[in-house]
Amino acid sequence: MELKVSEAPKRWLNNEEAAKYLGCKTRFLQYLRSEGKIRFYKLGGLVLYDINDIDRLVLKNKVI
């Protein structure tokens, strides 16, 4: 009997992945960081975003 493990969904996005996910430029992400509108984590020179934080930001700014 062979066990198959499904791949876990990706939780952490780097700058380029987050920009692609949002459909924006990395410069816009830098603006969001500097304005304190999005949480981010720095590991050395790497900037990471939690995909849940990105989703919350988008939903919080949803216009009906």
Protein backbone atom coordinates (compact mmCIF):
# COMPACT_ATOMS: atom_id res chain seq x y z
CA MET A 1 0.00 0.00 0.00
CA GLU A 2 1.49 3.32 -1.09
CA LEU A 3 0.77 6.48 0.87
CA LYS A 4 0.54 9.75 -1.00
CA VAL A 5 1.08 13.01 0.81
CA SER A 6 -0.52 16.05 -0.75
CA GLU A 7 1.53 19.19 -1.01
CA ALA A 8 0.76 21.87 1.59
CA PRO A 9 -0.46 25.19 0.22
CA LYS A 10 2.21 27.86 0.01
CA ARG A 11 1.97 30.27 2.94
CA TRP A 12 4.98 32.56 2.56
CA LEU A 13 5.58 34.71 -0.52
CA ASN A 14 8.72 36.64 -1.39
CA ASN A 15 8.57 40.14 -2.89
CA GLU A 16 8.19 39.00 -6.50
CA GLU A 17 5.63 36.30 -5.69
CA ALA A 18 3.55 38.71 -3.59
CA ALA A 19 3.60 41.31 -6.37
CA LYS A 20 2.49 38.71 -8.90
CA TYR A 21 -0.23 37.47 -6.52
CA LEU A 22 -1.58 41.03 -6.15
CA GLY A 23 -0.96 42.00 -9.77
CA CYS A 24 1.19 44.98 -8.82
CA LYS A 25 4.80 46.12 -8.93
CA THR A 26 7.27 45.39 -6.14
CA ARG A 27 7.57 49.18 -5.65
CA PHE A 28 3.88 49.25 -4.61
CA LEU A 29 4.61 46.57 -2.00
CA GLN A 30 7.45 48.74 -0.70
CA TYR A 31 4.97 51.63 -0.41
CA LEU A 32 2.51 49.43 1.52
CA ARG A 33 5.32 48.38 3.89
CA SER A 34 6.53 51.93 4.48
CA GLU A 35 2.97 53.10 5.19
CA GLY A 36 2.44 50.23 7.64
CA LYS A 37 -0.45 48.83 5.61
CA ILE A 38 0.95 45.32 5.24
CA ARG A 39 2.89 43.13 7.62
CA PHE A 40 6.14 41.64 6.43
CA TYR A 41 9.04 39.67 7.81
CA LYS A 42 12.72 40.16 7.09
CA LEU A 43 15.15 37.28 7.15
CA GLY A 44 18.53 38.64 6.24
CA GLY A 45 17.92 40.45 2.96
CA LEU A 46 14.78 38.45 2.17
CA VAL A 47 11.35 40.07 2.60
CA LEU A 48 8.48 37.63 3.18
CA TYR A 49 4.72 38.11 3.32
CA ASP A 50 2.14 35.79 4.84
CA ILE A 51 -0.45 35.13 2.12
CA ASN A 52 -3.21 35.44 4.76
CA ASP A 53 -2.06 39.01 5.54
CA ILE A 54 -2.24 39.88 1.85
CA ASP A 55 -5.75 38.45 1.59
CA ARG A 56 -6.85 40.40 4.71
CA LEU A 57 -5.45 43.63 3.24
CA VAL A 58 -7.40 43.11 0.01
CA LEU A 59 -10.65 42.27 1.82
CA LYS A 60 -10.25 45.18 4.21
CA ASN A 61 -10.01 47.58 1.27
CA LYS A 62 -12.83 46.00 -0.73
CA VAL A 63 -15.15 48.55 -2.33
CA ILE A 64 -18.76 47.55 -2.83
